[in-house]
């Protein structure tokens, strides 16, 4: 598929970038690069991050002791 240079520039496309075509729920067609979509998703699940478990801390201590 050939895209005009101005459109490639507007989408910040680089050579060999993958494009994703989709229809949003509001009916609008959207073209986005896979890189842009991945950047949008960064931190999407950050609210699910849990505090380190006591078990992980215990295992880290044991590993550190065995390395000495």
N, C-alpha and C. Protein backbone atom coordinates (compact mmCIF):
# COMPACT_ATOMS: atom_id res chain seq x y z
N UNK A 1 0.85 -1.16 0.00
CA UNK A 1 0.00 0.00 0.00
C UNK A 1 0.90 1.23 0.00
N UNK A 2 0.62 2.15 -0.87
CA UNK A 2 1.39 3.39 -0.95
C UNK A 2 0.62 4.53 -0.31
N UNK A 3 1.29 5.20 0.62
CA UNK A 3 0.68 6.36 1.28
C UNK A 3 1.46 7.59 0.87
N UNK A 4 0.76 8.70 0.67
CA UNK A 4 1.46 9.95 0.35
C UNK A 4 2.44 10.33 1.45
N UNK A 5 3.51 10.98 1.06
CA UNK A 5 4.55 11.38 2.00
C UNK A 5 3.99 12.21 3.14
N UNK A 6 3.06 13.10 2.84
CA UNK A 6 2.49 13.97 3.88
C UNK A 6 1.72 13.14 4.92
N UNK A 7 1.04 12.09 4.47
CA UNK A 7 0.30 11.23 5.40
C UNK A 7 1.27 10.40 6.24
N UNK A 8 2.32 9.88 5.62
CA UNK A 8 3.34 9.13 6.37
C UNK A 8 3.98 10.02 7.44
N UNK A 9 4.24 11.26 7.08
CA UNK A 9 4.84 12.20 8.04
C UNK A 9 3.87 12.49 9.18
N UNK A 10 2.60 12.69 8.86
CA UNK A 10 1.60 12.98 9.89
C UNK A 10 1.42 11.81 10.86
N UNK A 11 1.61 10.59 10.34
CA UNK A 11 1.48 9.39 11.18
C UNK A 11 2.80 9.01 11.85
N UNK A 12 3.86 9.79 11.57
CA UNK A 12 5.20 9.52 12.12
C UNK A 12 5.66 8.11 11.77
N UNK A 13 5.43 7.72 10.53
CA UNK A 13 5.80 6.38 10.08
C UNK A 13 7.25 6.32 9.65
N UNK A 14 7.83 5.17 9.94
CA UNK A 14 9.18 4.87 9.47
C UNK A 14 9.06 3.70 8.50
N UNK A 15 10.11 3.47 7.75
CA UNK A 15 10.10 2.37 6.79
C UNK A 15 9.85 1.05 7.53
N UNK A 16 8.98 0.24 6.97
CA UNK A 16 8.62 -1.09 7.48
C UNK A 16 7.75 -1.05 8.73
N UNK A 17 7.22 0.10 9.13
CA UNK A 17 6.28 0.15 10.25
C UNK A 17 5.02 -0.61 9.86
N UNK A 18 4.45 -1.31 10.83
CA UNK A 18 3.17 -1.98 10.63
C UNK A 18 2.04 -1.00 10.91
N UNK A 19 0.99 -1.08 10.11
CA UNK A 19 -0.18 -0.22 10.31
C UNK A 19 -1.34 -1.06 10.80
N UNK A 20 -2.15 -0.44 11.62
CA UNK A 20 -3.35 -1.09 12.12
C UNK A 20 -4.53 -0.24 11.67
N UNK A 21 -5.46 -0.88 11.00
CA UNK A 21 -6.69 -0.24 10.56
C UNK A 21 -7.81 -0.76 11.43
N UNK A 22 -8.61 0.14 11.96
CA UNK A 22 -9.73 -0.31 12.80
C UNK A 22 -10.87 0.69 12.73
N UNK A 23 -12.03 0.22 13.09
CA UNK A 23 -13.21 1.07 13.19
C UNK A 23 -13.53 1.23 14.67
N UNK A 24 -13.52 2.46 15.13
CA UNK A 24 -13.83 2.74 16.53
C UNK A 24 -15.32 2.56 16.78
N UNK A 25 -15.72 2.42 18.04
CA UNK A 25 -17.14 2.25 18.36
C UNK A 25 -18.03 3.38 17.85
N UNK A 26 -17.44 4.59 17.68
CA UNK A 26 -18.23 5.71 17.19
C UNK A 26 -18.33 5.73 15.66
N UNK A 27 -17.76 4.67 15.00
CA UNK A 27 -17.87 4.54 13.56
C UNK A 27 -16.76 5.20 12.77
N UNK A 28 -15.81 5.81 13.44
CA UNK A 28 -14.71 6.49 12.76
C UNK A 28 -13.63 5.47 12.43
N UNK A 29 -13.15 5.51 11.18
CA UNK A 29 -12.05 4.65 10.78
C UNK A 29 -10.75 5.28 11.26
N UNK A 30 -9.87 4.44 11.76
CA UNK A 30 -8.61 4.94 12.31
C UNK A 30 -7.46 4.12 11.74
N UNK A 31 -6.39 4.80 11.37
CA UNK A 31 -5.15 4.17 10.94
C UNK A 31 -4.08 4.61 11.92
N UNK A 32 -3.38 3.66 12.51
CA UNK A 32 -2.35 3.98 13.49
C UNK A 32 -1.21 2.99 13.32
N UNK A 33 0.00 3.45 13.59
CA UNK A 33 1.13 2.53 13.51
C UNK A 33 1.13 1.65 14.76
N UNK A 34 1.66 0.46 14.62
CA UNK A 34 1.74 -0.46 15.75
C UNK A 34 2.58 0.15 16.87
N UNK A 35 3.62 0.89 16.51
CA UNK A 35 4.47 1.55 17.50
C UNK A 35 3.68 2.57 18.30
N UNK A 36 2.88 3.39 17.61
CA UNK A 36 2.06 4.40 18.29
C UNK A 36 1.05 3.73 19.21
N UNK A 37 0.43 2.66 18.74
CA UNK A 37 -0.56 1.95 19.56
C UNK A 37 0.09 1.38 20.81
N UNK A 38 1.29 0.84 20.67
CA UNK A 38 2.01 0.31 21.83
C UNK A 38 2.35 1.42 22.81
N UNK A 39 2.75 2.58 22.30
CA UNK A 39 3.09 3.71 23.18
C UNK A 39 1.86 4.20 23.93
N UNK A 40 0.71 4.18 23.27
CA UNK A 40 -0.54 4.58 23.94
C UNK A 40 -0.87 3.65 25.09
N UNK A 41 -0.50 2.38 24.93
CA UNK A 41 -0.86 1.37 25.92
C UNK A 41 0.10 1.34 27.10
N UNK A 42 1.24 1.99 27.00
CA UNK A 42 2.21 1.99 28.08
C UNK A 42 1.56 2.54 29.34
N UNK A 43 1.65 1.78 30.39
CA UNK A 43 1.08 2.20 31.67
C UNK A 43 -0.41 1.94 31.79
N UNK A 44 -0.99 1.30 30.80
CA UNK A 44 -2.43 1.06 30.82
C UNK A 44 -2.85 0.23 32.03
N UNK A 45 -2.00 -0.69 32.45
CA UNK A 45 -2.34 -1.57 33.56
C UNK A 45 -1.54 -1.24 34.82
N UNK A 46 -0.94 -0.07 34.86
CA UNK A 46 -0.11 0.31 36.01
C UNK A 46 -0.91 0.29 37.31
N UNK A 47 -2.20 0.55 37.23
CA UNK A 47 -3.02 0.58 38.44
C UNK A 47 -3.17 -0.82 39.06
N UNK A 48 -2.81 -1.86 38.33
CA UNK A 48 -2.92 -3.23 38.84
C UNK A 48 -1.65 -3.69 39.54
N UNK A 49 -0.59 -2.87 39.49
CA UNK A 49 0.67 -3.25 40.10
C UNK A 49 0.48 -3.45 41.59
N UNK A 50 1.00 -4.56 42.06
CA UNK A 50 0.88 -4.88 43.48
C UNK A 50 2.19 -4.57 44.19
N UNK A 51 2.10 -4.38 45.46
CA UNK A 51 3.30 -4.18 46.27
C UNK A 51 4.10 -5.47 46.27
N UNK A 52 5.41 -5.38 46.42
CA UNK A 52 6.22 -6.60 46.47
C UNK A 52 5.75 -7.49 47.62
N UNK A 53 5.72 -8.78 47.36
CA UNK A 53 5.25 -9.71 48.38
C UNK A 53 6.35 -9.99 49.39
N UNK A 54 5.96 -10.42 50.58
CA UNK A 54 6.92 -10.78 51.61
C UNK A 54 7.73 -11.99 51.15
N UNK A 55 7.10 -12.87 50.40
CA UNK A 55 7.79 -14.06 49.90
C UNK A 55 8.92 -13.65 48.96
N UNK A 56 8.65 -12.72 48.06
CA UNK A 56 9.69 -12.24 47.14
C UNK A 56 10.85 -11.62 47.91
N UNK A 57 10.55 -10.85 48.93
CA UNK A 57 11.59 -10.22 49.74
C UNK A 57 12.42 -11.28 50.46
N UNK A 58 11.75 -12.29 51.01
CA UNK A 58 12.44 -13.38 51.70
C UNK A 58 13.37 -14.12 50.75
N UNK A 59 12.87 -14.45 49.55
CA UNK A 59 13.69 -15.16 48.57
C UNK A 59 14.88 -14.32 48.12
N UNK A 60 14.67 -13.03 47.96
CA UNK A 60 15.78 -12.14 47.57
C UNK A 60 16.86 -12.12 48.65
N UNK A 61 16.44 -12.10 49.92
CA UNK A 61 17.41 -12.14 51.02
C UNK A 61 18.21 -13.43 51.00
N UNK A 62 17.52 -14.54 50.81
CA UNK A 62 18.19 -15.84 50.78
C UNK A 62 19.17 -15.94 49.63
N UNK A 63 18.78 -15.43 48.48
CA UNK A 63 19.68 -15.45 47.32
C UNK A 63 20.92 -14.60 47.60
N UNK A 64 20.71 -13.44 48.21
CA UNK A 64 21.84 -12.56 48.53
C UNK A 64 22.79 -13.25 49.50
N UNK A 65 22.23 -13.96 50.49
CA UNK A 65 23.07 -14.67 51.46
C UNK A 65 23.86 -15.77 50.78
N UNK A 66 23.24 -16.48 49.85
CA UNK A 66 23.93 -17.59 49.20
C UNK A 66 25.01 -17.09 48.23
N UNK A 67 24.89 -15.85 47.76
CA UNK A 67 25.89 -15.28 46.87
C UNK A 67 27.14 -14.82 47.61
N UNK A 68 27.04 -14.68 48.92
CA UNK A 68 28.19 -14.19 49.72
C UNK A 68 29.22 -15.24 49.93
